[in-house]
PDB file of N, CA and C in Angstrom:
ATOM      1  N   MET A   1      45.154  97.342  93.857  1.00  0.00           N
ATOM      2  CA  MET A   1      45.526  96.137  94.528  1.00  0.00           C
ATOM      3  C   MET A   1      46.221  95.177  93.430  1.00  0.00           C
ATOM      4  N   ASP A   2      47.430  94.807  93.654  1.00  0.00           N
ATOM      5  CA  ASP A   2      48.160  93.969  92.776  1.00  0.00           C
ATOM      6  C   ASP A   2      48.141  92.533  93.351  1.00  0.00           C
ATOM      7  N   LEU A   3      47.436  91.671  92.659  1.00  0.00           N
ATOM      8  CA  LEU A   3      47.303  90.273  93.189  1.00  0.00           C
ATOM      9  C   LEU A   3      48.537  89.488  93.303  1.00  0.00           C
ATOM     10  N   GLU A   4      49.487  89.884  92.502  1.00  0.00           N
ATOM     11  CA  GLU A   4      50.826  89.190  92.571  1.00  0.00           C
ATOM     12  C   GLU A   4      51.606  89.539  93.808  1.00  0.00           C
ATOM     13  N   LEU A   5      51.359  90.686  94.283  1.00  0.00           N
ATOM     14  CA  LEU A   5      52.165  91.191  95.458  1.00  0.00           C
ATOM     15  C   LEU A   5      51.418  91.237  96.837  1.00  0.00           C
ATOM     16  N   ASP A   6      50.056  90.987  96.701  1.00  0.00           N
ATOM     17  CA  ASP A   6      49.256  91.161  97.889  1.00  0.00           C
ATOM     18  C   ASP A   6      49.240  89.830  98.739  1.00  0.00           C
ATOM     19  N   TYR A   7      49.823  89.912  99.924  1.00  0.00           N
ATOM     20  CA  TYR A   7      49.951  88.783 100.732  1.00  0.00           C
ATOM     21  C   TYR A   7      48.925  88.650 101.894  1.00  0.00           C
ATOM     22  N   ARG A   8      48.261  89.825 102.225  1.00  0.00           N
ATOM     23  CA  ARG A   8      47.432  89.900 103.389  1.00  0.00           C
ATOM     24  C   ARG A   8      46.232  88.932 103.320  1.00  0.00           C
ATOM     25  N   PRO A   9      45.468  88.766 102.246  1.00  0.00           N
ATOM     26  CA  PRO A   9      44.351  87.829 102.247  1.00  0.00           C
ATOM     27  C   PRO A   9      44.764  86.392 102.573  1.00  0.00           C
ATOM     28  N   PHE A  10      45.946  86.047 102.067  1.00  0.00           N
ATOM     29  CA  PHE A  10      46.432  84.663 102.309  1.00  0.00           C
ATOM     30  C   PHE A  10      46.854  84.557 103.772  1.00  0.00           C
ATOM     31  N   LEU A  11      47.480  85.553 104.320  1.00  0.00           N
ATOM     32  CA  LEU A  11      47.925  85.586 105.737  1.00  0.00           C
ATOM     33  C   LEU A  11      46.643  85.519 106.635  1.00  0.00           C
ATOM     34  N   ILE A  12      45.638  86.313 106.361  1.00  0.00           N
ATOM     35  CA  ILE A  12      44.437  86.286 107.253  1.00  0.00           C
ATOM     36  C   ILE A  12      43.776  84.885 107.132  1.00  0.00           C
ATOM     37  N   PHE A  13      43.652  84.346 105.971  1.00  0.00           N
ATOM     38  CA  PHE A  13      42.939  83.012 105.763  1.00  0.00           C
ATOM     39  C   PHE A  13      43.779  81.957 106.486  1.00  0.00           C
ATOM     40  N   GLY A  14      45.110  82.072 106.365  1.00  0.00           N
ATOM     41  CA  GLY A  14      45.978  81.014 107.030  1.00  0.00           C
ATOM     42  C   GLY A  14      45.882  81.184 108.516  1.00  0.00           C
ATOM     43  N   ILE A  15      45.791  82.300 109.111  1.00  0.00           N
ATOM     44  CA  ILE A  15      45.620  82.473 110.538  1.00  0.00           C
ATOM     45  C   ILE A  15      44.300  81.946 110.985  1.00  0.00           C
ATOM     46  N   ILE A  16      43.173  82.174 110.198  1.00  0.00           N
ATOM     47  CA  ILE A  16      41.866  81.614 110.613  1.00  0.00           C
ATOM     48  C   ILE A  16      41.885  80.164 110.571  1.00  0.00           C
ATOM     49  N   CYS A  17      42.477  79.542 109.491  1.00  0.00           N
ATOM     50  CA  CYS A  17      42.559  78.067 109.424  1.00  0.00           C
ATOM     51  C   CYS A  17      43.435  77.519 110.533  1.00  0.00           C
ATOM     52  N   THR A  18      44.506  78.208 111.005  1.00  0.00           N
ATOM     53  CA  THR A  18      45.325  77.715 112.049  1.00  0.00           C
ATOM     54  C   THR A  18      44.656  77.737 113.335  1.00  0.00           C
ATOM     55  N   VAL A  19      43.814  78.833 113.580  1.00  0.00           N
ATOM     56  CA  VAL A  19      43.020  78.892 114.823  1.00  0.00           C
ATOM     57  C   VAL A  19      41.978  77.756 114.818  1.00  0.00           C
ATOM     58  N   CYS A  20      41.317  77.472 113.656  1.00  0.00           N
ATOM     59  CA  CYS A  20      40.354  76.422 113.598  1.00  0.00           C
ATOM     60  C   CYS A  20      41.013  75.040 113.839  1.00  0.00           C
ATOM     61  N   ALA A  21      42.174  74.838 113.296  1.00  0.00           N
ATOM     62  CA  ALA A  21      42.950  73.548 113.480  1.00  0.00           C
ATOM     63  C   ALA A  21      43.293  73.394 114.969  1.00  0.00           C
ATOM     64  N   THR A  22      43.688  74.453 115.564  1.00  0.00           N
ATOM     65  CA  THR A  22      44.079  74.443 116.977  1.00  0.00           C
ATOM     66  C   THR A  22      42.853  74.185 117.883  1.00  0.00           C
ATOM     67  N   ALA A  23      41.769  74.726 117.470  1.00  0.00           N
ATOM     68  CA  ALA A  23      40.517  74.417 118.276  1.00  0.00           C
ATOM     69  C   ALA A  23      40.154  72.928 118.134  1.00  0.00           C
ATOM     70  N   VAL A  24      40.302  72.411 116.964  1.00  0.00           N
ATOM     71  CA  VAL A  24      39.983  71.002 116.798  1.00  0.00           C
ATOM     72  C   VAL A  24      40.972  70.136 117.562  1.00  0.00           C
ATOM     73  N   THR A  25      42.193  70.458 117.578  1.00  0.00           N
ATOM     74  CA  THR A  25      43.239  69.680 118.266  1.00  0.00           C
ATOM     75  C   THR A  25      43.069  69.785 119.722  1.00  0.00           C
ATOM     76  N   LEU A  26      42.811  70.920 120.313  1.00  0.00           N
ATOM     77  CA  LEU A  26      42.730  71.118 121.768  1.00  0.00           C
ATOM     78  C   LEU A  26      41.360  70.806 122.292  1.00  0.00           C
ATOM     79  N   GLY A  27      40.367  71.169 121.611  1.00  0.00           N
ATOM     80  CA  GLY A  27      38.950  71.019 122.108  1.00  0.00           C
ATOM     81  C   GLY A  27      38.376  69.636 121.828  1.00  0.00           C
ATOM     82  N   GLY A  28      38.699  68.992 120.687  1.00  0.00           N
ATOM     83  CA  GLY A  28      38.174  67.697 120.404  1.00  0.00           C
ATOM     84  C   GLY A  28      36.759  67.849 119.823  1.00  0.00           C
ATOM     85  N   ILE A  29      36.137  66.604 119.684  1.00  0.00           N
ATOM     86  CA  ILE A  29      34.761  66.592 119.080  1.00  0.00           C
ATOM     87  C   ILE A  29      33.754  67.295 119.961  1.00  0.00           C
ATOM     88  N   ASP A  30      33.872  67.244 121.265  1.00  0.00           N
ATOM     89  CA  ASP A  30      32.921  67.792 122.160  1.00  0.00           C
ATOM     90  C   ASP A  30      32.832  69.288 122.022  1.00  0.00           C
ATOM     91  N   PHE A  31      33.992  69.884 121.682  1.00  0.00           N
ATOM     92  CA  PHE A  31      34.078  71.358 121.615  1.00  0.00           C
ATOM     93  C   PHE A  31      33.666  71.898 120.224  1.00  0.00           C
ATOM     94  N   VAL A  32      34.117  71.233 119.195  1.00  0.00           N
ATOM     95  CA  VAL A  32      33.892  71.824 117.793  1.00  0.00           C
ATOM     96  C   VAL A  32      32.891  71.059 117.022  1.00  0.00           C
ATOM     97  N   GLY A  33      32.609  69.853 117.376  1.00  0.00           N
ATOM     98  CA  GLY A  33      31.639  69.045 116.614  1.00  0.00           C
ATOM     99  C   GLY A  33      32.274  68.084 115.734  1.00  0.00           C
ATOM    100  N   VAL A  34      31.397  67.139 115.166  1.00  0.00           N
ATOM    101  CA  VAL A  34      31.927  66.039 114.352  1.00  0.00           C
ATOM    102  C   VAL A  34      32.309  66.620 112.925  1.00  0.00           C
ATOM    103  N   TRP A  35      31.543  67.547 112.443  1.00  0.00           N
ATOM    104  CA  TRP A  35      31.837  68.000 111.048  1.00  0.00           C
ATOM    105  C   TRP A  35      33.213  68.766 111.050  1.00  0.00           C
ATOM    106  N   MET A  36      33.569  69.487 112.132  1.00  0.00           N
ATOM    107  CA  MET A  36      34.827  70.199 112.129  1.00  0.00           C
ATOM    108  C   MET A  36      35.955  69.207 112.305  1.00  0.00           C
ATOM    109  N   ASP A  37      35.750  68.154 113.022  1.00  0.00           N
ATOM    110  CA  ASP A  37      36.759  67.108 113.265  1.00  0.00           C
ATOM    111  C   ASP A  37      37.035  66.334 111.912  1.00  0.00           C
ATOM    112  N   ALA A  38      35.892  66.191 111.083  1.00  0.00           N
ATOM    113  CA  ALA A  38      36.065  65.515 109.851  1.00  0.00           C
ATOM    114  C   ALA A  38      36.848  66.381 108.798  1.00  0.00           C
ATOM    115  N   LEU A  39      36.684  67.691 108.902  1.00  0.00           N
ATOM    116  CA  LEU A  39      37.355  68.636 108.067  1.00  0.00           C
ATOM    117  C   LEU A  39      38.756  68.943 108.541  1.00  0.00           C
ATOM    118  N   TYR A  40      39.285  68.391 109.578  1.00  0.00           N
ATOM    119  CA  TYR A  40      40.569  68.753 110.135  1.00  0.00           C
ATOM    120  C   TYR A  40      41.709  68.645 109.076  1.00  0.00           C
ATOM    121  N   PRO A  41      41.800  67.511 108.302  1.00  0.00           N
ATOM    122  CA  PRO A  41      42.918  67.476 107.349  1.00  0.00           C
ATOM    123  C   PRO A  41      42.821  68.569 106.338  1.00  0.00           C
ATOM    124  N   ILE A  42      41.647  69.006 105.813  1.00  0.00           N
ATOM    125  CA  ILE A  42      41.493  70.001 104.866  1.00  0.00           C
ATOM    126  C   ILE A  42      41.831  71.350 105.428  1.00  0.00           C
ATOM    127  N   ILE A  43      41.481  71.588 106.714  1.00  0.00           N
ATOM    128  CA  ILE A  43      41.766  72.845 107.398  1.00  0.00           C
ATOM    129  C   ILE A  43      43.282  72.975 107.557  1.00  0.00           C
ATOM    130  N   VAL A  44      43.912  71.909 107.903  1.00  0.00           N
ATOM    131  CA  VAL A  44      45.421  72.028 108.099  1.00  0.00           C
ATOM    132  C   VAL A  44      46.074  72.228 106.737  1.00  0.00           C
ATOM    133  N   LEU A  45      45.663  71.575 105.716  1.00  0.00           N
ATOM    134  CA  LEU A  45      46.117  71.805 104.333  1.00  0.00           C
ATOM    135  C   LEU A  45      45.994  73.244 103.928  1.00  0.00           C
ATOM    136  N   PHE A  46      44.841  73.830 104.131  1.00  0.00           N
ATOM    137  CA  PHE A  46      44.528  75.209 103.767  1.00  0.00           C
ATOM    138  C   PHE A  46      45.445  76.203 104.630  1.00  0.00           C
ATOM    139  N   ALA A  47      45.660  75.832 105.834  1.00  0.00           N
ATOM    140  CA  ALA A  47      46.424  76.681 106.719  1.00  0.00           C
ATOM    141  C   ALA A  47      47.886  76.719 106.274  1.00  0.00           C
ATOM    142  N   VAL A  48      48.443  75.596 105.988  1.00  0.00           N
ATOM    143  CA  VAL A  48      49.824  75.438 105.581  1.00  0.00           C
ATOM    144  C   VAL A  48      49.997  76.156 104.205  1.00  0.00           C
ATOM    145  N   ALA A  49      49.101  75.868 103.256  1.00  0.00           N
ATOM    146  CA  ALA A  49      49.168  76.427 101.941  1.00  0.00           C
ATOM    147  C   ALA A  49      49.080  77.973 101.992  1.00  0.00           C
ATOM    148  N   SER A  50      48.144  78.446 102.683  1.00  0.00           N
ATOM    149  CA  SER A  50      47.911  79.964 102.778  1.00  0.00           C
ATOM    150  C   SER A  50      49.055  80.637 103.396  1.00  0.00           C
ATOM    151  N   LEU A  51      49.567  80.089 104.483  1.00  0.00           N
ATOM    152  CA  LEU A  51      50.672  80.742 105.138  1.00  0.00           C
ATOM    153  C   LEU A  51      52.004  80.661 104.295  1.00  0.00           C
ATOM    154  N   SER A  52      52.117  79.617 103.555  1.00  0.00           N
ATOM    155  CA  SER A  52      53.249  79.450 102.666  1.00  0.00           C
ATOM    156  C   SER A  52      53.215  80.469 101.521  1.00  0.00           C
ATOM    157  N   ILE A  53      52.051  80.595 100.929  1.00  0.00           N
ATOM    158  CA  ILE A  53      51.893  81.491  99.795  1.00  0.00           C
ATOM    159  C   ILE A  53      52.066  82.956 100.301  1.00  0.00           C
ATOM    160  N   SER A  54      51.586  83.291 101.430  1.00  0.00           N
ATOM    161  CA  SER A  54      51.705  84.621 101.972  1.00  0.00           C
ATOM    162  C   SER A  54      53.191  84.899 102.314  1.00  0.00           C
ATOM    163  N   TRP A  55      53.929  83.911 102.806  1.00  0.00           N
ATOM    164  CA  TRP A  55      55.307  84.072 103.134  1.00  0.00           C
ATOM    165  C   TRP A  55      56.129  84.270 101.808  1.00  0.00           C
ATOM    166  N   ILE A  56      55.843  83.533 100.743  1.00  0.00           N
ATOM    167  CA  ILE A  56      56.500  83.648  99.506  1.00  0.00           C
ATOM    168  C   ILE A  56      56.328  85.039  98.919  1.00  0.00           C
ATOM    169  N   ARG A  57      55.054  85.465  98.847  1.00  0.00           N
ATOM    170  CA  ARG A  57      54.676  86.698  98.350  1.00  0.00           C
ATOM    171  C   ARG A  57      55.311  87.939  99.122  1.00  0.00           C
ATOM    172  N   TRP A  58      55.345  87.794 100.397  1.00  0.00           N
ATOM    173  CA  TRP A  58      55.902  88.823 101.319  1.00  0.00           C
ATOM    174  C   TRP A  58      57.398  88.933 101.063  1.00  0.00           C
ATOM    175  N   LYS A  59      58.053  87.791 100.904  1.00  0.00           N
ATOM    176  CA  LYS A  59      59.473  87.705 100.737  1.00  0.00           C
ATOM    177  C   LYS A  59      59.828  88.308  99.332  1.00  0.00           C
ATOM    178  N   ASN A  60      59.050  87.976  98.355  1.00  0.00           N
ATOM    179  CA  ASN A  60      59.392  88.464  96.977  1.00  0.00           C
ATOM    180  C   ASN A  60      59.126  89.990  96.946  1.00  0.00           C
ATOM    181  N   MET A  61      58.126  90.477  97.704  1.00  0.00           N
ATOM    182  CA  MET A  61      57.884  91.935  97.695  1.00  0.00           C
ATOM    183  C   MET A  61      59.005  92.645  98.364  1.00  0.00           C
ATOM    184  N   ASN A  62      59.608  92.148  99.412  1.00  0.00           N
ATOM    185  CA  ASN A  62      60.729  92.813 100.093  1.00  0.00           C
ATOM    186  C   ASN A  62      61.952  92.650  99.294  1.00  0.00           C
ATOM    187  N   GLU A  63      62.196  91.641  98.486  1.00  0.00           N
ATOM    188  CA  GLU A  63      63.375  91.561  97.740  1.00  0.00           C
ATOM    189  C   GLU A  63      63.410  92.450  96.455  1.00  0.00           C
ATOM    190  N   GLU A  64      62.245  92.784  95.943  1.00  0.00           N
ATOM    191  CA  GLU A  64      62.106  93.668  94.817  1.00  0.00           C
ATOM    192  C   GLU A  64      62.433  95.130  95.140  1.00  0.00           C
ATOM    193  N   SER A  65      62.168  95.539  96.374  1.00  0.00           N
ATOM    194  CA  SER A  65      62.315  97.003  96.729  1.00  0.00           C
ATOM    195  C   SER A  65      63.693  97.271  97.179  1.00  0.00           C
TER     196      SER A  65
END
């Protein structure tokens, strides 16, 4: 496993964070709880960062071959 070229862990983590952020947005405090609502900005930050890193690594991997 080459950590410079492996994009899958970041993609999976980004998808999980995106699902959590969507649940907070659509469900509200009654559905996910207060702690998840408080962590919403961090979850969105992780989602955007992880998906961006996975996109950059995937794009670099395709350009090298």
